Amino acid sequence: MFGPWGNPDEGECRRIVEAALDAGVNFVDTADVYGGGVTEEIVGRALKGRRDDIVLATKFNNPMGQGPNQRGNSRRWIMSAVDASLRRLDTDWIDLYQAHRPDPTCDIDETLGALSELVRAGKIRAIGTSTFPAEQIVEAQWVAERRGREPFTSEQPPYSLFARGAEVAVLPACLEHRLGVVAWSPLNGGWLTGKYRRDHPVDSASRAVRAAEHFDYQDPVRERKLDLVDELLALGLEAGVPLIQLALAFVLEHPAVTAAIVGPRTVTQLVDQLPAAEVRLDAQVLDRLDSLVPPGVNLNPRDAGWVPPALDPATRRRRP
C-alpha cells in the first residue's frame, strides 16, 4: 500500500513502518512490481537505522518493463532484478527473495540455480515462492534435493476466511516439507475489515474504487460476501472480537501458517490490526466459521491469485 498503488504520502508510510516496528513487528514484505519500484524505495528509506533488526523480503517475476526479458523466473531476469531491488531498498542483502508467481516458460532448475548462486554470493539469504500450487512446491523440493540447489524455505499463498483454497493442498504440502507460510490478503482485500456493508456507501479511498480492476465489488459474488460480513460481524460481537481481528486470528490459527501479511494504508488501520496477534479462537468459534465458509472453498475463484496456463482457452482446446 506504499506509493502510487495505495498511499502516496511517504511521510505517513514511514510512520506506519515505524509504528509497526515499535510494536514488535520484525518482518517486512514487499515486491519490485509494487508501485513500479516506488514501494521498495519507500521501504528502504523507512528502514534506515533499523535494517539489522528486520527480516526483509521482496519478490521478482512480474513485468518491470515492456520487454520480454524484464519479467519471469529466468536466470537472466533474476540476476538483473535482484540488483535493482537491492539498489531501491538501499541494502546489501535481502533476507527472503521470492518468486512472485510460477513461470511456465522457465524450468524450475534454472530458477533454483540462479537463486542458489545469489545465496552463495551473499546477496540473498533464503528463497521462497508466492502463490505456487502444491504440485510445483513439491517439484521444486525434489529438484533442489537431487540437483544440489538451495531449497525454497517459504510459500506466500492467498489465505483468508473468504479464500480458503490453500487448505486443500498448498498448506498441507508446506507442512510436509517444512516450509514457512506467510499468508497474503488475510483480509481478502478489505472485505473482512467490515467496511463493505450492504446499504453503506463505498468510501472513495477504498480499494473498491481505487483499484476496481483488482477488486470484486462489482462481481456477482459481492452479494454472498456482503451476507457473510453481516454474519461474521455478529459472530465477532458474540466472541468479543472485532471482525478485523477475528479474520486475522483465523488465519494465524492454521498450524501451517507462520505469519499473516497485513497491508495497512494508514496508521489507524495498522493499530486496528496489531492486537490480532494475541487473539486465540476456541474450537466453537472455529466450527462456526467453518459452517459459514466451508474449508477449502474460495468464494471467488479469482481469489486463488493465479490461473494455471493449462486453463487458458488456447491451451485446453484440442482443435485449431
C-alpha atoms as a PDB file:
ATOM      1  CA  MET A   1       0.000   0.000   0.000  1.00  0.00           C
ATOM      2  CA  PHE A   2       3.014   2.318  -0.006  1.00  0.00           C
ATOM      3  CA  GLY A   3       3.280   4.620  -3.022  1.00  0.00           C
ATOM      4  CA  PRO A   4       1.013   5.138  -6.025  1.00  0.00           C
ATOM      5  CA  TRP A   5      -0.942   1.895  -5.523  1.00  0.00           C
ATOM      6  CA  GLY A   6      -2.129   2.906  -2.071  1.00  0.00           C
ATOM      7  CA  ASN A   7      -0.787   5.830  -0.052  1.00  0.00           C
ATOM      8  CA  PRO A   8       1.390   8.314  -1.961  1.00  0.00           C
ATOM      9  CA  ASP A   9       2.244  10.188   1.251  1.00  0.00           C
ATOM     10  CA  GLU A  10       5.723   8.846   2.028  1.00  0.00           C
ATOM     11  CA  GLY A  11       5.762  10.502   5.421  1.00  0.00           C
ATOM     12  CA  GLU A  12       2.734   8.541   6.545  1.00  0.00           C
ATOM     13  CA  CYS A  13       4.105   5.347   5.008  1.00  0.00           C
ATOM     14  CA  ARG A  14       7.255   5.751   7.053  1.00  0.00           C
ATOM     15  CA  ARG A  15       5.203   6.391  10.191  1.00  0.00           C
ATOM     16  CA  ILE A  16       3.345   3.129   9.532  1.00  0.00           C
ATOM     17  CA  VAL A  17       6.647   1.235   9.357  1.00  0.00           C
ATOM     18  CA  GLU A  18       7.973   2.915  12.479  1.00  0.00           C
ATOM     19  CA  ALA A  19       4.773   2.171  14.412  1.00  0.00           C
ATOM     20  CA  ALA A  20       4.869  -1.469  13.298  1.00  0.00           C
ATOM     21  CA  LEU A  21       8.497  -1.917  14.324  1.00  0.00           C
ATOM     22  CA  ASP A  22       7.896  -0.224  17.655  1.00  0.00           C
ATOM     23  CA  ALA A  23       5.020  -2.658  18.244  1.00  0.00           C
ATOM     24  CA  GLY A  24       7.307  -5.648  17.705  1.00  0.00           C
ATOM     25  CA  VAL A  25       6.804  -6.414  14.012  1.00  0.00           C
ATOM     26  CA  ASN A  26      10.089  -7.700  12.589  1.00  0.00           C
ATOM     27  CA  PHE A  27       9.149  -8.995   9.112  1.00  0.00           C
ATOM     28  CA  VAL A  28       8.631  -6.579   6.213  1.00  0.00           C
ATOM     29  CA  ASP A  29       7.476  -7.890   2.844  1.00  0.00           C
ATOM     30  CA  THR A  30       7.360  -6.020  -0.447  1.00  0.00           C
ATOM     31  CA  ALA A  31       7.926  -6.625  -4.182  1.00  0.00           C
ATOM     32  CA  ASP A  32       9.649  -4.934  -7.088  1.00  0.00           C
ATOM     33  CA  VAL A  33       6.388  -4.519  -9.012  1.00  0.00           C
ATOM     34  CA  TYR A  34       4.559  -2.627  -6.246  1.00  0.00           C
ATOM     35  CA  GLY A  35       4.281   0.931  -7.443  1.00  0.00           C
ATOM     36  CA  GLY A  36       6.744   0.159 -10.216  1.00  0.00           C
ATOM     37  CA  GLY A  37       9.598   0.033  -7.694  1.00  0.00           C
ATOM     38  CA  VAL A  38       8.497   3.040  -5.638  1.00  0.00           C
ATOM     39  CA  THR A  39       7.333   0.886  -2.737  1.00  0.00           C
ATOM     40  CA  GLU A  40      10.764  -0.719  -2.361  1.00  0.00           C
ATOM     41  CA  GLU A  41      12.340   2.742  -2.290  1.00  0.00           C
ATOM     42  CA  ILE A  42       9.961   3.900   0.448  1.00  0.00           C
ATOM     43  CA  VAL A  43      10.588   0.746   2.483  1.00  0.00           C
ATOM     44  CA  GLY A  44      14.346   1.160   2.120  1.00  0.00           C
ATOM     45  CA  ARG A  45      14.253   4.712   3.435  1.00  0.00           C
ATOM     46  CA  ALA A  46      11.842   3.771   6.233  1.00  0.00           C
ATOM     47  CA  LEU A  47      14.195   1.049   7.488  1.00  0.00           C
ATOM     48  CA  LYS A  48      17.231   3.320   7.755  1.00  0.00           C
ATOM     49  CA  GLY A  49      18.983   2.681  11.039  1.00  0.00           C
ATOM     50  CA  ARG A  50      16.862  -0.399  11.819  1.00  0.00           C
ATOM     51  CA  ARG A  51      17.786  -2.736   8.982  1.00  0.00           C
ATOM     52  CA  ASP A  52      19.655  -5.238  11.181  1.00  0.00           C
ATOM     53  CA  ASP A  53      16.532  -5.842  13.259  1.00  0.00           C
ATOM     54  CA  ILE A  54      14.331  -6.735  10.285  1.00  0.00           C
ATOM     55  CA  VAL A  55      13.718  -9.787   8.141  1.00  0.00           C
ATOM     56  CA  LEU A  56      13.299  -8.068   4.779  1.00  0.00           C
ATOM     57  CA  ALA A  57      11.527  -9.860   1.949  1.00  0.00           C
ATOM     58  CA  THR A  58      10.870  -8.879  -1.646  1.00  0.00           C
ATOM     59  CA  LYS A  59       9.887 -10.593  -4.878  1.00  0.00           C
ATOM     60  CA  PHE A  60      10.590 -10.895  -8.597  1.00  0.00           C
ATOM     61  CA  ASN A  61       8.609 -12.198 -11.596  1.00  0.00           C
ATOM     62  CA  ASN A  62       6.063  -9.567 -12.583  1.00  0.00           C
ATOM     63  CA  PRO A  63       6.760  -7.266 -15.553  1.00  0.00           C
ATOM     64  CA  MET A  64       9.028  -4.322 -14.767  1.00  0.00           C
ATOM     65  CA  GLY A  65       9.081  -3.092 -18.362  1.00  0.00           C
ATOM     66  CA  GLN A  66       7.706  -3.798 -21.796  1.00  0.00           C
ATOM     67  CA  GLY A  67      10.434  -6.181 -22.933  1.00  0.00           C
ATOM     68  CA  PRO A  68      10.127  -9.964 -22.669  1.00  0.00           C
ATOM     69  CA  ASN A  69      13.387 -10.107 -20.689  1.00  0.00           C
ATOM     70  CA  GLN A  70      12.070  -7.791 -17.954  1.00  0.00           C
ATOM     71  CA  ARG A  71       9.918 -10.380 -16.201  1.00  0.00           C
ATOM     72  CA  GLY A  72       9.672 -14.022 -15.265  1.00  0.00           C
ATOM     73  CA  ASN A  73      11.805 -16.510 -13.346  1.00  0.00           C
ATOM     74  CA  SER A  74      14.726 -16.935 -15.736  1.00  0.00           C
ATOM     75  CA  ARG A  75      18.336 -16.665 -14.632  1.00  0.00           C
ATOM     76  CA  ARG A  76      18.814 -13.623 -16.840  1.00  0.00           C
ATOM     77  CA  TRP A  77      15.966 -11.707 -15.229  1.00  0.00           C
ATOM     78  CA  ILE A  78      16.662 -12.810 -11.652  1.00  0.00           C
ATOM     79  CA  MET A  79      20.265 -11.571 -11.839  1.00  0.00           C
ATOM     80  CA  SER A  80      19.083  -8.190 -13.087  1.00  0.00           C
ATOM     81  CA  ALA A  81      16.054  -7.907 -10.829  1.00  0.00           C
ATOM     82  CA  VAL A  82      17.913  -8.636  -7.597  1.00  0.00           C
ATOM     83  CA  ASP A  83      20.455  -5.869  -8.187  1.00  0.00           C
ATOM     84  CA  ALA A  84      17.655  -3.411  -8.952  1.00  0.00           C
ATOM     85  CA  SER A  85      15.814  -4.375  -5.755  1.00  0.00           C
ATOM     86  CA  LEU A  86      18.992  -4.053  -3.685  1.00  0.00           C
ATOM     87  CA  ARG A  87      19.501  -0.541  -5.049  1.00  0.00           C
ATOM     88  CA  ARG A  88      15.919   0.522  -4.403  1.00  0.00           C
ATOM     89  CA  LEU A  89      15.895  -0.980  -0.901  1.00  0.00           C
ATOM     90  CA  ASP A  90      19.334   0.552  -0.250  1.00  0.00           C
ATOM     91  CA  THR A  91      20.595  -2.616   1.418  1.00  0.00           C
ATOM     92  CA  ASP A  92      23.434  -5.078   0.944  1.00  0.00           C
ATOM     93  CA  TRP A  93      21.275  -8.180   1.267  1.00  0.00           C
ATOM     94  CA  ILE A  94      17.713  -9.465   1.037  1.00  0.00           C
ATOM     95  CA  ASP A  95      16.675 -11.909   3.743  1.00  0.00           C
ATOM     96  CA  LEU A  96      13.952 -13.650   1.728  1.00  0.00           C
ATOM     97  CA  TYR A  97      13.806 -13.427  -2.073  1.00  0.00           C
ATOM     98  CA  GLN A  98      10.607 -14.843  -3.530  1.00  0.00           C
ATOM     99  CA  ALA A  99       9.316 -15.884  -6.943  1.00  0.00           C
ATOM    100  CA  HIS A 100       6.123 -13.834  -7.086  1.00  0.00           C
ATOM    101  CA  ARG A 101       4.333 -16.343  -9.331  1.00  0.00           C
ATOM    102  CA  PRO A 102       5.199 -19.520 -11.228  1.00  0.00           C
ATOM    103  CA  ASP A 103       6.737 -19.094 -14.682  1.00  0.00           C
ATOM    104  CA  PRO A 104       5.556 -21.828 -17.058  1.00  0.00           C
ATOM    105  CA  THR A 105       8.163 -20.768 -19.647  1.00  0.00           C
ATOM    106  CA  CYS A 106      11.113 -21.488 -17.349  1.00  0.00           C
ATOM    107  CA  ASP A 107      12.438 -24.757 -15.916  1.00  0.00           C
ATOM    108  CA  ILE A 108      12.393 -24.650 -12.112  1.00  0.00           C
ATOM    109  CA  ASP A 109      16.002 -25.870 -12.060  1.00  0.00           C
ATOM    110  CA  GLU A 110      17.105 -22.710 -13.866  1.00  0.00           C
ATOM    111  CA  THR A 111      15.301 -20.583 -11.275  1.00  0.00           C
ATOM    112  CA  LEU A 112      16.749 -22.525  -8.334  1.00  0.00           C
ATOM    113  CA  GLY A 113      20.216 -22.468  -9.879  1.00  0.00           C
ATOM    114  CA  ALA A 114      20.210 -18.674 -10.188  1.00  0.00           C
ATOM    115  CA  LEU A 115      18.855 -18.208  -6.676  1.00  0.00           C
ATOM    116  CA  SER A 116      21.440 -20.622  -5.273  1.00  0.00           C
ATOM    117  CA  GLU A 117      24.210 -18.509  -6.819  1.00  0.00           C
ATOM    118  CA  LEU A 118      22.779 -15.411  -5.179  1.00  0.00           C
ATOM    119  CA  VAL A 119      22.700 -17.138  -1.781  1.00  0.00           C
ATOM    120  CA  ARG A 120      26.356 -18.126  -2.160  1.00  0.00           C
ATOM    121  CA  ALA A 121      27.193 -14.567  -3.215  1.00  0.00           C
ATOM    122  CA  GLY A 122      25.556 -13.186  -0.062  1.00  0.00           C
ATOM    123  CA  LYS A 123      23.026 -11.048  -1.911  1.00  0.00           C
ATOM    124  CA  ILE A 124      20.112 -13.079  -0.555  1.00  0.00           C
ATOM    125  CA  ARG A 125      19.860 -15.369   2.472  1.00  0.00           C
ATOM    126  CA  ALA A 126      16.808 -17.519   1.809  1.00  0.00           C
ATOM    127  CA  ILE A 127      14.417 -18.138  -1.072  1.00  0.00           C
ATOM    128  CA  GLY A 128      10.680 -18.601  -1.291  1.00  0.00           C
ATOM    129  CA  THR A 129       7.650 -18.677  -3.533  1.00  0.00           C
ATOM    130  CA  SER A 130       4.338 -16.888  -3.729  1.00  0.00           C
ATOM    131  CA  THR A 131       1.061 -18.345  -4.979  1.00  0.00           C
ATOM    132  CA  PHE A 132       2.637 -21.587  -6.178  1.00  0.00           C
ATOM    133  CA  PRO A 133       0.328 -24.617  -6.482  1.00  0.00           C
ATOM    134  CA  ALA A 134       1.135 -27.606  -4.295  1.00  0.00           C
ATOM    135  CA  GLU A 135       2.485 -29.712  -7.148  1.00  0.00           C
ATOM    136  CA  GLN A 136       5.056 -27.059  -8.057  1.00  0.00           C
ATOM    137  CA  ILE A 137       6.082 -26.647  -4.425  1.00  0.00           C
ATOM    138  CA  VAL A 138       6.751 -30.395  -4.251  1.00  0.00           C
ATOM    139  CA  GLU A 139       8.529 -30.442  -7.630  1.00  0.00           C
ATOM    140  CA  ALA A 140      10.839 -27.618  -6.527  1.00  0.00           C
ATOM    141  CA  GLN A 141      11.768 -29.526  -3.358  1.00  0.00           C
ATOM    142  CA  TRP A 142      12.514 -32.635  -5.435  1.00  0.00           C
ATOM    143  CA  VAL A 143      14.710 -30.680  -7.884  1.00  0.00           C
ATOM    144  CA  ALA A 144      16.604 -28.917  -5.094  1.00  0.00           C
ATOM    145  CA  GLU A 145      17.359 -32.189  -3.321  1.00  0.00           C
ATOM    146  CA  ARG A 146      18.516 -34.087  -6.393  1.00  0.00           C
ATOM    147  CA  ARG A 147      20.454 -31.325  -8.097  1.00  0.00           C
ATOM    148  CA  GLY A 148      22.084 -29.725  -5.093  1.00  0.00           C
ATOM    149  CA  ARG A 149      20.182 -26.439  -5.240  1.00  0.00           C
ATOM    150  CA  GLU A 150      19.104 -24.184  -2.406  1.00  0.00           C
ATOM    151  CA  PRO A 151      15.552 -25.241  -1.482  1.00  0.00           C
ATOM    152  CA  PHE A 152      12.638 -22.890  -1.165  1.00  0.00           C
ATOM    153  CA  THR A 153      12.024 -22.236   2.526  1.00  0.00           C
ATOM    154  CA  SER A 154       8.666 -20.477   2.389  1.00  0.00           C
ATOM    155  CA  GLU A 155       5.454 -20.063   0.423  1.00  0.00           C
ATOM    156  CA  GLN A 156       3.220 -16.994   0.360  1.00  0.00           C
ATOM    157  CA  PRO A 157      -0.330 -18.056  -0.574  1.00  0.00           C
ATOM    158  CA  PRO A 158      -3.571 -16.082  -0.588  1.00  0.00           C
ATOM    159  CA  TYR A 159      -5.423 -17.211   2.515  1.00  0.00           C
ATOM    160  CA  SER A 160      -8.399 -15.775   4.356  1.00  0.00           C
ATOM    161  CA  LEU A 161     -11.871 -16.665   5.580  1.00  0.00           C
ATOM    162  CA  PHE A 162     -13.165 -15.900   2.091  1.00  0.00           C
ATOM    163  CA  ALA A 163     -10.299 -17.603   0.228  1.00  0.00           C
ATOM    164  CA  ARG A 164      -9.621 -20.990   1.817  1.00  0.00           C
ATOM    165  CA  GLY A 165      -8.428 -22.824  -1.277  1.00  0.00           C
ATOM    166  CA  ALA A 166      -4.886 -23.129   0.105  1.00  0.00           C
ATOM    167  CA  GLU A 167      -6.197 -25.522   2.759  1.00  0.00           C
ATOM    168  CA  VAL A 168      -6.756 -28.249   0.156  1.00  0.00           C
ATOM    169  CA  ALA A 169      -3.158 -28.931  -0.846  1.00  0.00           C
ATOM    170  CA  VAL A 170      -0.829 -25.936  -0.509  1.00  0.00           C
ATOM    171  CA  LEU A 171      -0.841 -25.697   3.289  1.00  0.00           C
ATOM    172  CA  PRO A 172      -0.525 -29.495   3.759  1.00  0.00           C
ATOM    173  CA  ALA A 173       2.398 -29.529   1.287  1.00  0.00           C
ATOM    174  CA  CYS A 174       4.098 -26.744   3.231  1.00  0.00           C
ATOM    175  CA  LEU A 175       3.661 -28.659   6.473  1.00  0.00           C
ATOM    176  CA  GLU A 176       5.020 -31.833   4.900  1.00  0.00           C
ATOM    177  CA  HIS A 177       8.120 -30.086   3.521  1.00  0.00           C
ATOM    178  CA  ARG A 178       8.562 -27.747   6.499  1.00  0.00           C
ATOM    179  CA  LEU A 179       8.124 -24.528   4.561  1.00  0.00           C
ATOM    180  CA  GLY A 180       7.167 -21.375   6.388  1.00  0.00           C
ATOM    181  CA  VAL A 181       3.856 -19.848   5.272  1.00  0.00           C
ATOM    182  CA  VAL A 182       3.272 -16.103   5.119  1.00  0.00           C
ATOM    183  CA  ALA A 183      -0.336 -15.598   4.063  1.00  0.00           C
ATOM    184  CA  TRP A 184      -1.184 -12.672   1.794  1.00  0.00           C
ATOM    185  CA  SER A 185      -4.530 -10.864   1.723  1.00  0.00           C
ATOM    186  CA  PRO A 186      -5.727 -12.304   5.054  1.00  0.00           C
ATOM    187  CA  LEU A 187      -8.466  -9.645   4.995  1.00  0.00           C
ATOM    188  CA  ASN A 188      -9.485 -10.557   1.438  1.00  0.00           C
ATOM    189  CA  GLY A 189      -8.638  -7.128   0.061  1.00  0.00           C
ATOM    190  CA  GLY A 190     -10.555  -5.316   2.800  1.00  0.00           C
ATOM    191  CA  TRP A 191     -13.753  -7.363   2.782  1.00  0.00           C
ATOM    192  CA  LEU A 192     -13.000  -8.706   6.250  1.00  0.00           C
ATOM    193  CA  THR A 193     -12.488  -5.302   7.831  1.00  0.00           C
ATOM    194  CA  GLY A 194     -16.256  -4.754   7.901  1.00  0.00           C
ATOM    195  CA  LYS A 195     -16.093  -1.537   5.879  1.00  0.00           C
ATOM    196  CA  TYR A 196     -18.035  -3.039   2.976  1.00  0.00           C
ATOM    197  CA  ARG A 197     -21.646  -3.375   4.164  1.00  0.00           C
ATOM    198  CA  ARG A 198     -24.984  -3.613   2.460  1.00  0.00           C
ATOM    199  CA  ASP A 199     -26.632  -0.181   2.108  1.00  0.00           C
ATOM    200  CA  HIS A 200     -23.405   1.543   3.201  1.00  0.00           C
ATOM    201  CA  PRO A 201     -21.777   3.971   0.727  1.00  0.00           C
ATOM    202  CA  VAL A 202     -18.348   2.920  -0.517  1.00  0.00           C
ATOM    203  CA  ASP A 203     -15.564   5.282   0.530  1.00  0.00           C
ATOM    204  CA  SER A 204     -13.823   6.840  -2.483  1.00  0.00           C
ATOM    205  CA  ALA A 205     -10.454   5.985  -0.879  1.00  0.00           C
ATOM    206  CA  SER A 206     -11.311   2.297  -0.604  1.00  0.00           C
ATOM    207  CA  ARG A 207      -9.854  -0.377  -2.849  1.00  0.00           C
ATOM    208  CA  ALA A 208     -13.235  -0.966  -4.465  1.00  0.00           C
ATOM    209  CA  VAL A 209     -12.853   2.478  -6.050  1.00  0.00           C
ATOM    210  CA  ARG A 210      -9.072   2.966  -6.217  1.00  0.00           C
ATOM    211  CA  ALA A 211      -8.320  -0.433  -7.738  1.00  0.00           C
ATOM    212  CA  ALA A 212     -11.640  -1.658  -9.079  1.00  0.00           C
ATOM    213  CA  GLU A 213      -9.923  -3.870 -11.653  1.00  0.00           C
ATOM    214  CA  HIS A 214      -8.228  -5.796  -8.811  1.00  0.00           C
ATOM    215  CA  PHE A 215     -11.298  -5.969  -6.586  1.00  0.00           C
ATOM    216  CA  ASP A 216     -14.558  -7.880  -6.893  1.00  0.00           C
ATOM    217  CA  TYR A 217     -17.054  -5.353  -5.569  1.00  0.00           C
ATOM    218  CA  GLN A 218     -18.904  -5.364  -8.888  1.00  0.00           C
ATOM    219  CA  ASP A 219     -18.722  -9.152  -9.227  1.00  0.00           C
ATOM    220  CA  PRO A 220     -21.846 -11.273  -8.570  1.00  0.00           C
ATOM    221  CA  VAL A 221     -20.010 -12.821  -5.602  1.00  0.00           C
ATOM    222  CA  ARG A 222     -20.440  -9.470  -3.841  1.00  0.00           C
ATOM    223  CA  GLU A 223     -23.893 -10.423  -2.558  1.00  0.00           C
ATOM    224  CA  ARG A 224     -22.581 -13.567  -0.897  1.00  0.00           C
ATOM    225  CA  LYS A 225     -19.697 -11.689   0.684  1.00  0.00           C
ATOM    226  CA  LEU A 226     -21.983  -8.941   1.961  1.00  0.00           C
ATOM    227  CA  ASP A 227     -24.250 -11.529   3.592  1.00  0.00           C
ATOM    228  CA  LEU A 228     -21.273 -13.209   5.228  1.00  0.00           C
ATOM    229  CA  VAL A 229     -19.835  -9.945   6.517  1.00  0.00           C
ATOM    230  CA  ASP A 230     -23.073  -9.339   8.435  1.00  0.00           C
ATOM    231  CA  GLU A 231     -22.937 -12.854   9.921  1.00  0.00           C
ATOM    232  CA  LEU A 232     -19.257 -12.533  10.793  1.00  0.00           C
ATOM    233  CA  LEU A 233     -19.810  -9.173  12.486  1.00  0.00           C
ATOM    234  CA  ALA A 234     -22.482 -10.797  14.647  1.00  0.00           C
ATOM    235  CA  LEU A 235     -20.200 -13.733  15.450  1.00  0.00           C
ATOM    236  CA  GLY A 236     -17.367 -11.375  16.363  1.00  0.00           C
ATOM    237  CA  LEU A 237     -19.693  -9.459  18.653  1.00  0.00           C
ATOM    238  CA  GLU A 238     -20.633 -12.704  20.439  1.00  0.00           C
ATOM    239  CA  ALA A 239     -16.973 -13.677  20.768  1.00  0.00           C
ATOM    240  CA  GLY A 240     -15.929 -10.200  21.876  1.00  0.00           C
ATOM    241  CA  VAL A 241     -13.535  -9.791  18.930  1.00  0.00           C
ATOM    242  CA  PRO A 242     -13.747  -7.119  16.194  1.00  0.00           C
ATOM    243  CA  LEU A 243     -14.167  -8.625  12.726  1.00  0.00           C
ATOM    244  CA  ILE A 244     -10.767  -7.445  11.507  1.00  0.00           C
ATOM    245  CA  GLN A 245      -9.048  -9.240  14.401  1.00  0.00           C
ATOM    246  CA  LEU A 246     -11.290 -12.289  14.071  1.00  0.00           C
ATOM    247  CA  ALA A 247     -10.272 -12.642  10.423  1.00  0.00           C
ATOM    248  CA  LEU A 248      -6.560 -12.309  11.122  1.00  0.00           C
ATOM    249  CA  ALA A 249      -6.709 -14.650  14.116  1.00  0.00           C
ATOM    250  CA  PHE A 250      -8.452 -17.254  11.947  1.00  0.00           C
ATOM    251  CA  VAL A 251      -5.526 -17.245   9.503  1.00  0.00           C
ATOM    252  CA  LEU A 252      -2.968 -17.468  12.300  1.00  0.00           C
ATOM    253  CA  GLU A 253      -4.768 -20.459  13.876  1.00  0.00           C
ATOM    254  CA  HIS A 254      -3.842 -22.763  10.990  1.00  0.00           C
ATOM    255  CA  PRO A 255      -0.850 -24.907  12.034  1.00  0.00           C
ATOM    256  CA  ALA A 256       0.928 -24.306   8.720  1.00  0.00           C
ATOM    257  CA  VAL A 257       0.815 -20.504   8.944  1.00  0.00           C
ATOM    258  CA  THR A 258       3.885 -18.663  10.189  1.00  0.00           C
ATOM    259  CA  ALA A 259       2.626 -15.104   9.739  1.00  0.00           C
ATOM    260  CA  ALA A 260      -0.141 -13.068   8.159  1.00  0.00           C
ATOM    261  CA  ILE A 261       0.884 -10.150   5.963  1.00  0.00           C
ATOM    262  CA  VAL A 262      -1.097  -7.002   6.709  1.00  0.00           C
ATOM    263  CA  GLY A 263      -1.101  -4.119   4.262  1.00  0.00           C
ATOM    264  CA  PRO A 264      -2.295  -1.024   6.116  1.00  0.00           C
ATOM    265  CA  ARG A 265      -2.689   2.176   4.139  1.00  0.00           C
ATOM    266  CA  THR A 266      -2.859   4.352   7.274  1.00  0.00           C
ATOM    267  CA  VAL A 267      -1.504   4.236  10.819  1.00  0.00           C
ATOM    268  CA  THR A 268      -5.063   3.825  12.111  1.00  0.00           C
ATOM    269  CA  GLN A 269      -5.526   0.692  10.000  1.00  0.00           C
ATOM    270  CA  LEU A 270      -2.310  -0.735  11.424  1.00  0.00           C
ATOM    271  CA  VAL A 271      -3.356  -0.036  15.002  1.00  0.00           C
ATOM    272  CA  ASP A 272      -6.687  -1.796  14.405  1.00  0.00           C
ATOM    273  CA  GLN A 273      -4.918  -4.934  13.171  1.00  0.00           C
ATOM    274  CA  LEU A 274      -1.990  -5.398  15.551  1.00  0.00           C
ATOM    275  CA  PRO A 275      -3.979  -6.828  18.512  1.00  0.00           C
ATOM    276  CA  ALA A 276      -4.959  -9.832  16.361  1.00  0.00           C
ATOM    277  CA  ALA A 277      -1.579 -11.401  17.132  1.00  0.00           C
ATOM    278  CA  GLU A 278      -2.766 -12.010  20.704  1.00  0.00           C
ATOM    279  CA  VAL A 279      -6.268 -13.285  19.830  1.00  0.00           C
ATOM    280  CA  ARG A 280      -6.942 -17.018  20.210  1.00  0.00           C
ATOM    281  CA  LEU A 281     -10.106 -18.552  18.784  1.00  0.00           C
ATOM    282  CA  ASP A 282     -11.655 -21.520  20.555  1.00  0.00           C
ATOM    283  CA  ALA A 283     -12.986 -24.619  18.809  1.00  0.00           C
ATOM    284  CA  GLN A 284     -16.587 -23.419  18.973  1.00  0.00           C
ATOM    285  CA  VAL A 285     -15.805 -20.197  17.112  1.00  0.00           C
ATOM    286  CA  LEU A 286     -13.689 -22.037  14.534  1.00  0.00           C
ATOM    287  CA  ASP A 287     -16.532 -24.515  13.957  1.00  0.00           C
ATOM    288  CA  ARG A 288     -18.948 -21.619  13.427  1.00  0.00           C
ATOM    289  CA  LEU A 289     -16.575 -20.111  10.886  1.00  0.00           C
ATOM    290  CA  ASP A 290     -16.351 -23.446   9.073  1.00  0.00           C
ATOM    291  CA  SER A 291     -20.140 -23.544   8.882  1.00  0.00           C
ATOM    292  CA  LEU A 292     -20.191 -20.129   7.201  1.00  0.00           C
ATOM    293  CA  VAL A 293     -17.382 -20.785   4.710  1.00  0.00           C
ATOM    294  CA  PRO A 294     -16.506 -24.473   4.291  1.00  0.00           C
ATOM    295  CA  PRO A 295     -12.809 -25.434   4.472  1.00  0.00           C
ATOM    296  CA  GLY A 296     -11.011 -25.387   1.142  1.00  0.00           C
ATOM    297  CA  VAL A 297     -13.505 -23.056  -0.567  1.00  0.00           C
ATOM    298  CA  ASN A 298     -12.692 -19.828  -2.422  1.00  0.00           C
ATOM    299  CA  LEU A 299     -15.860 -17.743  -2.607  1.00  0.00           C
ATOM    300  CA  ASN A 300     -14.458 -16.074  -5.704  1.00  0.00           C
ATOM    301  CA  PRO A 301     -12.225 -18.231  -7.954  1.00  0.00           C
ATOM    302  CA  ARG A 302     -10.194 -15.087  -8.712  1.00  0.00           C
ATOM    303  CA  ASP A 303      -9.036 -15.082  -5.091  1.00  0.00           C
ATOM    304  CA  ALA A 304      -6.760 -18.019  -5.911  1.00  0.00           C
ATOM    305  CA  GLY A 305      -4.325 -15.388  -7.188  1.00  0.00           C
ATOM    306  CA  TRP A 306      -3.023 -17.329 -10.205  1.00  0.00           C
ATOM    307  CA  VAL A 307      -4.632 -19.120 -13.134  1.00  0.00           C
ATOM    308  CA  PRO A 308      -2.640 -22.117 -14.435  1.00  0.00           C
ATOM    309  CA  PRO A 309      -1.793 -21.709 -18.121  1.00  0.00           C
ATOM    310  CA  ALA A 310      -3.379 -25.119 -18.781  1.00  0.00           C
ATOM    311  CA  LEU A 311      -6.750 -23.394 -18.294  1.00  0.00           C
ATOM    312  CA  ASP A 312      -6.066 -20.827 -20.996  1.00  0.00           C
ATOM    313  CA  PRO A 313      -8.601 -21.311 -23.809  1.00  0.00           C
ATOM    314  CA  ALA A 314      -5.839 -21.748 -26.387  1.00  0.00           C
ATOM    315  CA  THR A 315      -4.267 -24.495 -24.289  1.00  0.00           C
ATOM    316  CA  ARG A 316      -7.309 -26.551 -23.440  1.00  0.00           C
ATOM    317  CA  ARG A 317      -8.766 -26.630 -26.966  1.00  0.00           C
ATOM    318  CA  ARG A 318      -7.633 -29.657 -28.907  1.00  0.00           C
ATOM    319  CA  ARG A 319      -8.801 -28.334 -32.247  1.00  0.00           C
ATOM    320  CA  PRO A 320      -7.240 -25.400 -34.148  1.00  0.00           C
END
